[in-house]
Amino acid sequence: MVIATFAAKVCGQLRDSFIGSYFGAGPSADAFFAATKIPVMFFDVIIGGVISAAFIPVFNEYLTKEDKKRAMQFANRFINIILIITGAVAAIGIIFAPQLIDLITPGLAAETKALAVHMSNIMFPSIIFIGMAFVFVGILQSFGEFNIPAIISLVSNGLMIAYLLIFKDRFGVVGVAVAMLIGWSLQAIVQIPSLIKLKYKYKPDFHFNDPGLKRTLILAVPLLISTWVQPIGSMINMNFSSGLGDGMMSSLEYANRLYLIIVNVFSFVVTNLIFPSMSRASASGNEEERLQLMRGGLKSVSFVILPIMAGVILLAEPTVALVYGHGAFDAAAVLSTSTALKFYAIGMIGYSYAEVLNKSFFAMQETKIPMITALISIAANVGLSFALVGTMGIGGLALASAITATLNAAMNFVIMNKKTGGIMTKNEIINILKVIAACAVMAAAVWAVFAFVSPRLSNGFSGNAVRFIAPAGVGAVAYLAVCAVLKADEIKMVMRFFKRKGAK
């Protein structure tokens, strides 16, 4: 699953790199990101959280307490509700596209807005396919199938890359939007063979008085609100950055996409692996197992995300230059995008912790707490954006998002710690301190190598590659070496794994 997810994220970044090369950070890119981002944000805000967070616990409850046939019946009824809601949202989005673009990105020039409205009309039907894909993922993961859900982004991004390689900018950003719509439809289609193997059959079942649907709908509103921190944050960023001048909104979006790809490679894998198991543990009353899964998730993301966070903060400029800095993506775009990425990266560990803790609350079917912390975080994001955008520009907007993610994670951690009587044991706290110490050594190594090689190299592709790879490689070796010397738990776990493989 890690390999499939990593490949999907790499392809997603390659797709964005091609888009940056052909369209740079300017009016066309601004229009494209507004048109493609708004439908996804509407999906996330209106229904996305219900599918990922409410469906899986209730579906697993049916599997645990009743049988597969009853669970599949519930899934069919849930799917039909999702089809109705997403179809209605898509229709509303198309009808009111001009008003939505004007509301969310008020600072765009008139010509850029008109292009964004046109592409938005193309993109809004994607909500229907995304909804189906999310439900299918929930069904497959509940039966222990993680590989197919992990490759759905790989399939859609593969199609996008093929389109960009063949047609380049021949049909402009409108052609890219059409290809993206087709790619999103494939995310649902590629899962159908696996569903058939599980003997799932779609039926137009509209008996919406199902007790499971009622439980899901009761959970719906607080669940939705609790998942709003990231999509609402993106909406706030688009609103503020649209008035900072041509290319600023797309620079912020390029940085945000790169940030999410980096942070999601591992946190996505961890949360998707443990969430169905935590849901089953909660449904069967095994709170100790759920707590152990949550602890394991937090330890794992700490071990992986903390060094990545330090590396991205230190190497933001060569990272952006290597990924985006070619074609129409000029030096000014590299500078603005790397500035945003540096500040986004500060929130990586908070984002990852929040993902694990939210999923733990959802597995318990506890929705009020993450809802309240999400509302507080969103209010903080708005206030921080107002306070920082005037003095720091898009860097201030990225920093506001990072602080918000950290605040959200901290509130959820404190509350969960109180509810469980202590999330982390003494040994686990010591282990995380070992990881932090290793990160400090790694950061010093990265800074020293970068300071040595950077002045001696050009800003071309090969120079940027060395400016990134040399310090990152030395830093990774230093981090793992210190973790090994300090005997961090994750290093010992990996060594035990390879010893067992060797013995076999």
Protein backbone atom coordinates (compact mmCIF):
# COMPACT_ATOMS: atom_id res chain seq x y z
CA MET A 1 0.00 0.00 0.00
CA VAL A 2 2.89 2.36 0.75
CA ILE A 3 4.40 1.68 -2.68
CA ALA A 4 1.07 2.18 -4.48
CA THR A 5 0.31 5.37 -2.56
CA PHE A 6 3.82 6.73 -3.11
CA ALA A 7 3.60 5.99 -6.85
CA ALA A 8 0.21 7.73 -7.01
CA LYS A 9 1.56 10.80 -5.20
CA VAL A 10 4.64 10.93 -7.45
CA CYS A 11 2.40 10.79 -10.51
CA GLY A 12 0.22 13.52 -9.03
CA GLN A 13 3.26 15.70 -8.52
CA LEU A 14 4.50 14.93 -12.03
CA ARG A 15 1.09 15.99 -13.36
CA ASP A 16 1.32 19.31 -11.48
CA SER A 17 4.89 19.76 -12.67
CA PHE A 18 3.75 19.46 -16.29
CA ILE A 19 0.92 21.92 -15.65
CA GLY A 20 3.43 24.34 -14.13
CA SER A 21 5.77 23.92 -17.08
CA TYR A 22 3.06 24.62 -19.68
CA PHE A 23 1.05 27.31 -17.88
CA GLY A 24 3.39 28.69 -15.20
CA ALA A 25 1.99 30.78 -12.33
CA GLY A 26 -0.26 33.29 -14.05
CA PRO A 27 -3.88 34.03 -15.08
CA SER A 28 -4.47 30.72 -16.90
CA ALA A 29 -3.14 28.71 -13.94
CA ASP A 30 -5.17 30.85 -11.53
CA ALA A 31 -8.35 30.11 -13.52
CA PHE A 32 -7.54 26.40 -13.73
CA PHE A 33 -6.93 25.98 -10.01
CA ALA A 34 -10.05 27.97 -9.12
CA ALA A 35 -12.18 25.84 -11.44
CA THR A 36 -10.77 22.49 -10.33
CA LYS A 37 -10.46 23.29 -6.63
CA ILE A 38 -13.96 24.66 -6.03
CA PRO A 39 -15.91 21.47 -6.94
CA VAL A 40 -13.59 19.37 -4.76
CA MET A 41 -13.92 21.80 -1.86
CA PHE A 42 -17.70 21.77 -2.18
CA PHE A 43 -17.64 17.98 -2.13
CA ASP A 44 -15.42 17.96 0.97
CA VAL A 45 -17.53 20.54 2.78
CA ILE A 46 -20.98 19.17 1.89
CA ILE A 47 -20.54 15.39 1.89
CA GLY A 48 -16.94 14.13 1.75
CA GLY A 49 -16.49 13.71 5.48
CA VAL A 50 -19.69 11.68 5.82
CA ILE A 51 -18.51 9.11 3.29
CA SER A 52 -15.03 8.62 4.71
CA ALA A 53 -15.86 8.95 8.39
CA ALA A 54 -19.50 7.87 8.93
CA PHE A 55 -19.94 5.09 6.39
CA ILE A 56 -17.02 2.87 7.45
CA PRO A 57 -17.91 2.59 11.19
CA VAL A 58 -21.59 1.81 10.49
CA PHE A 59 -20.75 -0.61 7.65
CA ASN A 60 -18.25 -2.43 9.90
CA GLU A 61 -20.83 -2.53 12.65
CA TYR A 62 -23.15 -4.45 10.32
CA LEU A 63 -20.32 -6.79 9.34
CA THR A 64 -19.45 -7.41 12.99
CA LYS A 65 -22.90 -7.69 14.55
CA GLU A 66 -25.02 -8.98 11.63
CA ASP A 67 -23.79 -10.34 8.29
CA LYS A 68 -22.33 -9.47 4.90
CA LYS A 69 -25.70 -9.46 3.13
CA ARG A 70 -27.14 -6.89 5.52
CA ALA A 71 -23.99 -4.75 5.27
CA MET A 72 -24.21 -4.76 1.46
CA GLN A 73 -27.87 -3.78 1.62
CA PHE A 74 -26.92 -0.79 3.79
CA ALA A 75 -24.13 0.09 1.32
CA ASN A 76 -26.61 0.11 -1.60
CA ARG A 77 -28.98 2.44 0.19
CA PHE A 78 -26.11 4.70 1.20
CA ILE A 79 -24.84 4.83 -2.38
CA ASN A 80 -28.25 5.88 -3.67
CA ILE A 81 -28.37 8.76 -1.17
CA ILE A 82 -24.89 9.83 -2.25
CA LEU A 83 -25.94 9.75 -5.93
CA ILE A 84 -28.92 11.98 -5.22
CA ILE A 85 -26.93 14.49 -3.14
CA THR A 86 -23.90 14.69 -5.44
CA GLY A 87 -26.13 15.03 -8.52
CA ALA A 88 -27.96 17.93 -6.87
CA VAL A 89 -24.71 19.61 -5.79
CA ALA A 90 -23.27 19.27 -9.31
CA ALA A 91 -26.38 20.85 -10.83
CA ILE A 92 -26.35 23.73 -8.34
CA GLY A 93 -22.63 24.26 -8.94
CA ILE A 94 -23.11 24.52 -12.70
CA ILE A 95 -26.08 26.89 -12.42
CA PHE A 96 -24.39 29.22 -9.93
CA ALA A 97 -20.79 28.89 -11.16
CA PRO A 98 -20.34 32.64 -11.86
CA GLN A 99 -21.51 33.57 -8.36
CA LEU A 100 -19.34 30.89 -6.72
CA ILE A 101 -16.20 31.95 -8.59
CA ASP A 102 -16.87 35.58 -7.70
CA LEU A 103 -17.47 34.71 -4.04
CA ILE A 104 -14.46 32.45 -3.49
CA THR A 105 -11.91 34.20 -5.73
CA PRO A 106 -13.09 37.85 -5.79
CA GLY A 107 -9.69 39.28 -6.69
CA LEU A 108 -9.34 37.61 -10.09
CA ALA A 109 -9.46 39.75 -13.24
CA ALA A 110 -12.68 39.61 -15.31
CA GLU A 111 -11.15 37.55 -18.14
CA THR A 112 -9.64 35.07 -15.69
CA LYS A 113 -12.98 34.73 -13.90
CA ALA A 114 -14.79 34.01 -17.18
CA LEU A 115 -12.31 31.22 -17.99
CA ALA A 116 -12.67 29.81 -14.46
CA VAL A 117 -16.48 29.75 -14.79
CA HIS A 118 -16.27 27.87 -18.10
CA MET A 119 -13.96 25.21 -16.65
CA SER A 120 -15.99 25.01 -13.45
CA ASN A 121 -19.02 23.95 -15.50
CA ILE A 122 -16.88 21.15 -16.93
CA MET A 123 -15.56 20.05 -13.57
CA PHE A 124 -18.65 20.04 -11.30
CA PRO A 125 -19.96 16.62 -12.52
CA SER A 126 -16.76 15.14 -11.10
CA ILE A 127 -18.43 15.35 -7.67
CA ILE A 128 -20.65 12.40 -8.61
CA PHE A 129 -17.69 10.18 -9.52
CA ILE A 130 -15.70 11.23 -6.44
CA GLY A 131 -18.67 10.31 -4.23
CA MET A 132 -18.92 6.83 -5.74
CA ALA A 133 -15.17 6.31 -5.48
CA PHE A 134 -15.19 7.21 -1.76
CA VAL A 135 -17.98 4.74 -0.96
CA PHE A 136 -16.30 1.98 -2.97
CA VAL A 137 -13.05 2.62 -1.07
CA GLY A 138 -14.92 2.28 2.23
CA ILE A 139 -16.40 -1.08 1.20
CA LEU A 140 -13.11 -2.52 -0.05
CA GLN A 141 -11.07 -1.35 2.95
CA SER A 142 -13.63 -2.83 5.31
CA PHE A 143 -12.97 -6.22 3.71
CA GLY A 144 -9.20 -5.78 4.05
CA GLU A 145 -8.55 -4.74 0.43
CA PHE A 146 -6.21 -1.74 0.56
CA ASN A 147 -4.19 -2.07 -2.65
CA ILE A 148 -6.93 -1.27 -5.17
CA PRO A 149 -8.10 1.83 -3.24
CA ALA A 150 -4.45 2.90 -3.05
CA ILE A 151 -4.01 2.85 -6.86
CA ILE A 152 -7.13 4.79 -7.87
CA SER A 153 -5.21 8.07 -7.80
CA LEU A 154 -2.41 6.37 -9.73
CA VAL A 155 -4.87 5.52 -12.51
CA SER A 156 -6.36 9.02 -12.76
CA ASN A 157 -2.97 10.74 -12.52
CA GLY A 158 -1.57 8.34 -15.12
CA LEU A 159 -4.29 9.41 -17.54
CA MET A 160 -3.51 13.08 -16.84
CA ILE A 161 0.21 12.56 -17.44
CA ALA A 162 -0.49 10.74 -20.71
CA TYR A 163 -2.73 13.61 -21.84
CA LEU A 164 -0.13 16.26 -20.96
CA LEU A 165 2.68 14.32 -22.66
CA ILE A 166 0.69 13.85 -25.86
CA PHE A 167 -1.22 17.12 -26.17
CA LYS A 168 0.89 19.43 -23.98
CA ASP A 169 -0.82 22.86 -24.00
CA ARG A 170 -2.51 22.37 -27.38
CA PHE A 171 -6.05 22.71 -25.99
CA GLY A 172 -5.11 25.09 -23.17
CA VAL A 173 -6.18 24.66 -19.58
CA VAL A 174 -9.71 23.74 -20.74
CA GLY A 175 -8.36 20.53 -22.27
CA VAL A 176 -6.57 19.72 -19.01
CA ALA A 177 -9.85 20.21 -17.12
CA VAL A 178 -11.66 17.75 -19.43
CA ALA A 179 -8.89 15.18 -18.95
CA MET A 180 -9.12 15.64 -15.18
CA LEU A 181 -12.88 14.99 -15.26
CA ILE A 182 -12.29 11.72 -17.13
CA GLY A 183 -9.50 10.80 -14.70
CA TRP A 184 -11.78 11.27 -11.70
CA SER A 185 -14.43 9.05 -13.28
CA LEU A 186 -11.81 6.30 -13.58
CA GLN A 187 -11.26 6.36 -9.80
CA ALA A 188 -14.72 4.82 -9.38
CA ILE A 189 -14.61 2.58 -12.43
CA VAL A 190 -11.35 0.77 -11.58
CA GLN A 191 -12.80 -0.43 -8.26
CA ILE A 192 -15.80 -2.18 -9.81
CA PRO A 193 -14.01 -5.51 -10.60
CA SER A 194 -12.94 -5.85 -6.95
CA LEU A 195 -16.48 -5.10 -5.76
CA ILE A 196 -17.80 -7.79 -8.10
CA LYS A 197 -15.37 -10.29 -6.54
CA LEU A 198 -16.89 -9.46 -3.17
CA LYS A 199 -20.29 -10.25 -4.73
CA TYR A 200 -21.47 -6.68 -4.45
CA LYS A 201 -24.41 -5.90 -6.76
CA TYR A 202 -25.82 -2.45 -7.23
CA LYS A 203 -29.57 -2.12 -6.72
CA PRO A 204 -31.69 1.05 -6.93
CA ASP A 205 -32.81 0.58 -3.33
CA PHE A 206 -34.47 3.75 -1.99
CA HIS A 207 -35.64 2.43 1.39
CA PHE A 208 -34.13 5.27 3.33
CA ASN A 209 -35.68 4.25 6.65
CA ASP A 210 -32.72 1.92 7.24
CA PRO A 211 -31.57 2.23 10.91
CA GLY A 212 -27.96 2.37 9.70
CA LEU A 213 -28.75 5.32 7.46
CA LYS A 214 -30.41 7.08 10.35
CA ARG A 215 -27.31 6.58 12.51
CA THR A 216 -25.14 7.83 9.66
CA LEU A 217 -27.29 10.92 9.16
CA ILE A 218 -27.25 11.68 12.90
CA LEU A 219 -23.46 11.60 12.73
CA ALA A 220 -23.40 13.54 9.46
CA VAL A 221 -23.41 17.21 10.50
CA PRO A 222 -20.77 17.05 13.26
CA LEU A 223 -18.65 14.70 11.13
CA LEU A 224 -18.77 17.09 8.20
CA ILE A 225 -17.80 20.06 10.32
CA SER A 226 -14.94 18.14 11.92
CA THR A 227 -13.40 17.52 8.48
CA TRP A 228 -13.68 21.14 7.34
CA VAL A 229 -10.33 22.41 8.62
CA GLN A 230 -8.32 21.59 5.49
CA PRO A 231 -10.91 22.37 2.75
CA ILE A 232 -12.12 25.56 4.43
CA GLY A 233 -8.49 26.54 4.94
CA SER A 234 -7.88 26.08 1.20
CA MET A 235 -10.95 28.19 0.45
CA ILE A 236 -9.69 30.95 2.76
CA ASN A 237 -6.29 30.86 1.07
CA MET A 238 -7.84 31.13 -2.39
CA ASN A 239 -9.99 34.06 -1.31
CA PHE A 240 -7.13 36.08 0.18
CA SER A 241 -4.50 35.17 -2.43
CA SER A 242 -6.75 36.01 -5.41
CA GLY A 243 -6.30 39.69 -4.54
CA LEU A 244 -2.49 39.61 -4.24
CA GLY A 245 -1.84 39.83 -7.99
CA ASP A 246 -1.59 37.51 -11.00
CA GLY A 247 0.05 34.20 -10.19
CA MET A 248 -0.06 34.47 -6.40
CA MET A 249 -3.09 32.20 -6.06
CA SER A 250 -1.59 29.56 -8.34
CA SER A 251 1.79 29.80 -6.54
CA LEU A 252 0.03 29.15 -3.24
CA GLU A 253 -1.88 26.24 -4.80
CA TYR A 254 1.28 24.70 -6.29
CA ALA A 255 2.86 24.85 -2.82
CA ASN A 256 -0.25 23.46 -1.13
CA ARG A 257 -0.45 20.54 -3.55
CA LEU A 258 3.21 19.68 -3.08
CA TYR A 259 2.81 19.95 0.70
CA LEU A 260 -0.25 17.67 0.74
CA ILE A 261 1.41 15.13 -1.54
CA ILE A 262 4.45 14.95 0.75
CA VAL A 263 2.52 14.79 4.03
CA ASN A 264 -0.19 12.45 2.74
CA VAL A 265 2.11 9.73 1.41
CA PHE A 266 2.52 8.27 4.87
CA SER A 267 -0.25 9.78 7.00
CA PHE A 268 -2.82 8.66 4.41
CA VAL A 269 -1.47 5.10 4.49
CA VAL A 270 -1.41 4.93 8.29
CA THR A 271 -4.92 6.32 8.82
CA ASN A 272 -6.48 4.22 6.07
CA LEU A 273 -4.88 1.06 7.42
CA ILE A 274 -5.92 1.56 11.02
CA PHE A 275 -9.36 3.17 10.63
CA PRO A 276 -11.38 0.02 9.70
CA SER A 277 -9.58 -1.93 12.46
CA MET A 278 -10.28 0.81 15.01
CA SER A 279 -13.93 0.84 13.91
CA ARG A 280 -14.23 -2.92 14.39
CA ALA A 281 -12.47 -2.72 17.78
CA SER A 282 -14.88 0.00 18.91
CA ALA A 283 -17.91 -1.92 17.60
CA SER A 284 -16.84 -5.01 19.58
CA GLY A 285 -16.06 -3.00 22.74
CA ASN A 286 -12.31 -3.64 22.61
CA GLU A 287 -11.09 -0.17 23.63
CA GLU A 288 -7.58 -1.38 24.45
CA GLU A 289 -7.05 -2.54 20.87
CA ARG A 290 -8.35 0.78 19.52
CA LEU A 291 -5.99 2.67 21.83
CA GLN A 292 -3.01 0.55 20.75
CA LEU A 293 -3.83 1.19 17.07
CA MET A 294 -4.04 4.94 17.72
CA ARG A 295 -0.73 4.93 19.62
CA GLY A 296 0.93 3.00 16.83
CA GLY A 297 -0.40 5.49 14.28
CA LEU A 298 0.91 8.50 16.19
CA LYS A 299 4.33 6.90 16.72
CA SER A 300 4.60 5.94 13.06
CA VAL A 301 3.75 9.39 11.71
CA SER A 302 6.15 10.96 14.22
CA PHE A 303 9.00 8.76 13.02
CA VAL A 304 8.40 9.55 9.33
CA ILE A 305 6.85 13.02 9.22
CA LEU A 306 9.13 14.88 11.67
CA PRO A 307 12.33 14.44 9.58
CA ILE A 308 10.40 15.16 6.37
CA MET A 309 9.04 18.35 7.93
CA ALA A 310 12.54 19.52 8.89
CA GLY A 311 13.88 18.65 5.45
CA VAL A 312 11.15 20.50 3.56
CA ILE A 313 11.57 23.64 5.70
CA LEU A 314 15.31 23.70 4.99
CA LEU A 315 15.14 22.63 1.33
CA ALA A 316 11.94 24.35 0.15
CA GLU A 317 13.65 26.40 -2.55
CA PRO A 318 15.63 23.59 -4.27
CA THR A 319 12.59 21.30 -3.92
CA VAL A 320 10.32 23.72 -5.77
CA ALA A 321 13.03 24.55 -8.32
CA LEU A 322 13.55 20.85 -9.05
CA VAL A 323 9.85 19.95 -9.24
CA TYR A 324 8.41 23.02 -10.96
CA GLY A 325 11.28 25.24 -12.13
CA HIS A 326 11.21 24.69 -15.87
CA GLY A 327 9.33 25.93 -18.92
CA ALA A 328 6.92 28.76 -18.09
CA PHE A 329 7.60 28.42 -14.35
CA ASP A 330 10.12 31.24 -13.89
CA ALA A 331 12.37 32.31 -11.00
CA ALA A 332 9.71 34.59 -9.50
CA ALA A 333 7.24 31.69 -9.39
CA VAL A 334 9.89 29.47 -7.76
CA LEU A 335 10.52 32.09 -5.09
CA SER A 336 6.84 32.68 -4.22
CA THR A 337 5.98 28.98 -4.27
CA SER A 338 8.98 27.94 -2.13
CA THR A 339 8.14 30.68 0.39
CA ALA A 340 4.62 29.28 0.78
CA LEU A 341 5.90 25.67 0.95
CA LYS A 342 8.35 26.53 3.74
CA PHE A 343 5.57 27.89 5.92
CA TYR A 344 3.09 25.14 5.02
CA ALA A 345 5.67 22.55 6.13
CA ILE A 346 5.57 23.84 9.71
CA GLY A 347 2.12 22.26 10.02
CA MET A 348 3.06 18.80 8.74
CA ILE A 349 3.18 17.03 12.09
CA GLY A 350 0.01 18.77 13.26
CA TYR A 351 -1.81 17.76 10.08
CA SER A 352 -0.70 14.12 10.48
CA TYR A 353 -1.58 13.92 14.18
CA ALA A 354 -4.99 15.46 13.49
CA GLU A 355 -5.67 12.80 10.84
CA VAL A 356 -4.93 9.94 13.26
CA LEU A 357 -6.81 11.48 16.19
CA ASN A 358 -9.86 12.42 14.12
CA LYS A 359 -10.11 8.89 12.76
CA SER A 360 -9.90 7.56 16.31
CA PHE A 361 -12.78 9.80 17.39
CA PHE A 362 -14.77 8.73 14.31
CA ALA A 363 -14.14 5.05 15.05
CA MET A 364 -15.68 5.65 18.49
CA GLN A 365 -18.60 7.40 16.71
CA GLU A 366 -17.70 10.42 18.85
CA THR A 367 -18.34 13.42 16.61
CA LYS A 368 -18.98 16.44 18.82
CA ILE A 369 -15.39 16.86 20.02
CA PRO A 370 -13.71 16.98 16.59
CA MET A 371 -16.56 19.22 15.38
CA ILE A 372 -15.92 21.78 18.14
CA THR A 373 -12.14 21.72 17.68
CA ALA A 374 -12.60 22.11 13.91
CA LEU A 375 -14.82 25.18 14.35
CA ILE A 376 -12.28 26.77 16.71
CA SER A 377 -9.48 26.00 14.23
CA ILE A 378 -11.39 27.49 11.28
CA ALA A 379 -12.07 30.68 13.26
CA ALA A 380 -8.37 30.85 14.15
CA ASN A 381 -7.44 30.38 10.47
CA VAL A 382 -9.60 33.32 9.41
CA GLY A 383 -8.16 35.56 12.13
CA LEU A 384 -4.57 34.54 11.43
CA SER A 385 -5.01 35.03 7.68
CA PHE A 386 -6.29 38.56 8.24
CA ALA A 387 -3.38 39.27 10.58
CA LEU A 388 -0.57 37.78 8.47
CA VAL A 389 -1.48 38.32 4.81
CA GLY A 390 -0.78 42.06 4.90
CA THR A 391 2.79 41.69 6.16
CA MET A 392 3.79 38.26 4.81
CA GLY A 393 1.68 37.79 1.65
CA ILE A 394 1.15 34.17 0.63
CA GLY A 395 3.76 33.11 3.19
CA GLY A 396 1.44 34.47 5.88
CA LEU A 397 -1.51 32.51 4.48
CA ALA A 398 0.56 29.31 4.48
CA LEU A 399 1.75 29.99 8.04
CA ALA A 400 -1.85 30.58 9.14
CA SER A 401 -2.77 27.15 7.75
CA ALA A 402 0.19 25.53 9.51
CA ILE A 403 -0.68 27.08 12.88
CA THR A 404 -4.31 26.05 12.40
CA ALA A 405 -3.37 22.42 11.72
CA THR A 406 -1.14 22.37 14.80
CA LEU A 407 -3.83 23.95 16.98
CA ASN A 408 -6.42 21.42 15.80
CA ALA A 409 -4.11 18.50 16.56
CA ALA A 410 -3.16 19.89 19.98
CA MET A 411 -6.79 20.33 21.08
CA ASN A 412 -7.74 16.84 19.91
CA PHE A 413 -4.66 15.32 21.57
CA VAL A 414 -5.40 16.95 24.95
CA ILE A 415 -9.04 15.84 24.90
CA MET A 416 -8.25 12.29 23.73
CA ASN A 417 -5.50 12.03 26.34
CA LYS A 418 -8.02 12.92 29.05
CA LYS A 419 -10.65 10.50 27.72
CA THR A 420 -8.23 7.55 27.52
CA GLY A 421 -6.30 8.24 30.72
CA GLY A 422 -3.10 8.81 28.77
CA ILE A 423 -2.37 8.27 25.08
CA MET A 424 1.39 7.90 25.37
CA THR A 425 3.20 5.80 27.96
CA LYS A 426 6.56 6.85 29.39
CA ASN A 427 8.44 4.59 26.96
CA GLU A 428 6.58 6.02 23.98
CA ILE A 429 7.32 9.60 25.06
CA ILE A 430 11.01 8.72 25.39
CA ASN A 431 10.90 7.16 21.91
CA ILE A 432 9.46 10.33 20.36
CA LEU A 433 12.15 12.38 22.13
CA LYS A 434 14.74 10.11 20.49
CA VAL A 435 13.16 10.85 17.11
CA ILE A 436 13.25 14.61 17.81
CA ALA A 437 16.95 14.37 18.79
CA ALA A 438 17.70 12.51 15.57
CA CYS A 439 15.81 15.20 13.61
CA ALA A 440 17.97 17.91 15.19
CA VAL A 441 21.16 16.13 14.08
CA MET A 442 19.67 15.58 10.64
CA ALA A 443 18.69 19.25 10.30
CA ALA A 444 22.25 20.35 11.16
CA ALA A 445 23.66 17.95 8.54
CA VAL A 446 21.21 19.11 5.88
CA TRP A 447 21.96 22.79 6.55
CA ALA A 448 25.74 22.24 6.46
CA VAL A 449 25.71 20.28 3.18
CA PHE A 450 23.30 22.70 1.50
CA ALA A 451 25.38 25.71 2.58
CA PHE A 452 28.47 24.03 1.09
CA VAL A 453 27.10 22.85 -2.27
CA SER A 454 24.55 25.56 -3.09
CA PRO A 455 26.96 28.44 -3.96
CA ARG A 456 28.99 26.13 -6.19
CA LEU A 457 26.13 25.01 -8.46
CA SER A 458 24.00 26.58 -11.18
CA ASN A 459 20.21 26.85 -11.03
CA GLY A 460 19.67 24.45 -13.94
CA PHE A 461 18.03 21.05 -13.57
CA SER A 462 21.24 19.17 -12.73
CA GLY A 463 22.33 21.87 -10.28
CA ASN A 464 18.95 21.88 -8.53
CA ALA A 465 19.00 18.09 -8.39
CA VAL A 466 22.36 18.07 -6.59
CA ARG A 467 21.29 20.95 -4.31
CA PHE A 468 18.34 18.81 -3.23
CA ILE A 469 19.68 15.24 -3.35
CA ALA A 470 23.04 15.81 -1.62
CA PRO A 471 21.75 17.42 1.59
CA ALA A 472 18.62 15.24 1.64
CA GLY A 473 20.68 12.07 1.25
CA VAL A 474 23.18 13.02 3.94
CA GLY A 475 20.33 14.08 6.21
CA ALA A 476 18.49 10.78 5.77
CA VAL A 477 21.62 8.77 6.60
CA ALA A 478 22.29 10.95 9.67
CA TYR A 479 18.70 10.60 10.87
CA LEU A 480 18.59 6.82 10.53
CA ALA A 481 22.05 6.45 12.09
CA VAL A 482 21.10 8.48 15.17
CA CYS A 483 17.80 6.58 15.47
CA ALA A 484 19.77 3.32 15.35
CA VAL A 485 22.27 4.50 17.97
CA LEU A 486 19.44 5.66 20.24
CA LYS A 487 17.54 2.41 19.54
CA ALA A 488 14.28 4.00 18.42
CA ASP A 489 11.38 1.54 18.41
CA GLU A 490 10.70 1.87 14.68
CA ILE A 491 14.29 0.99 13.79
CA LYS A 492 14.11 -2.09 16.02
CA MET A 493 10.79 -3.07 14.40
CA VAL A 494 12.31 -2.86 10.90
CA MET A 495 15.31 -4.93 11.99
CA ARG A 496 13.03 -7.62 13.49
CA PHE A 497 11.04 -7.68 10.24
CA PHE A 498 14.13 -8.33 8.09
CA LYS A 499 15.45 -10.90 10.56
CA ARG A 500 12.19 -12.86 10.28
CA LYS A 501 12.35 -12.62 6.49
CA GLY A 502 15.95 -13.82 6.56
CA ALA A 503 15.08 -16.74 8.82
CA LYS A 504 12.26 -17.81 6.49
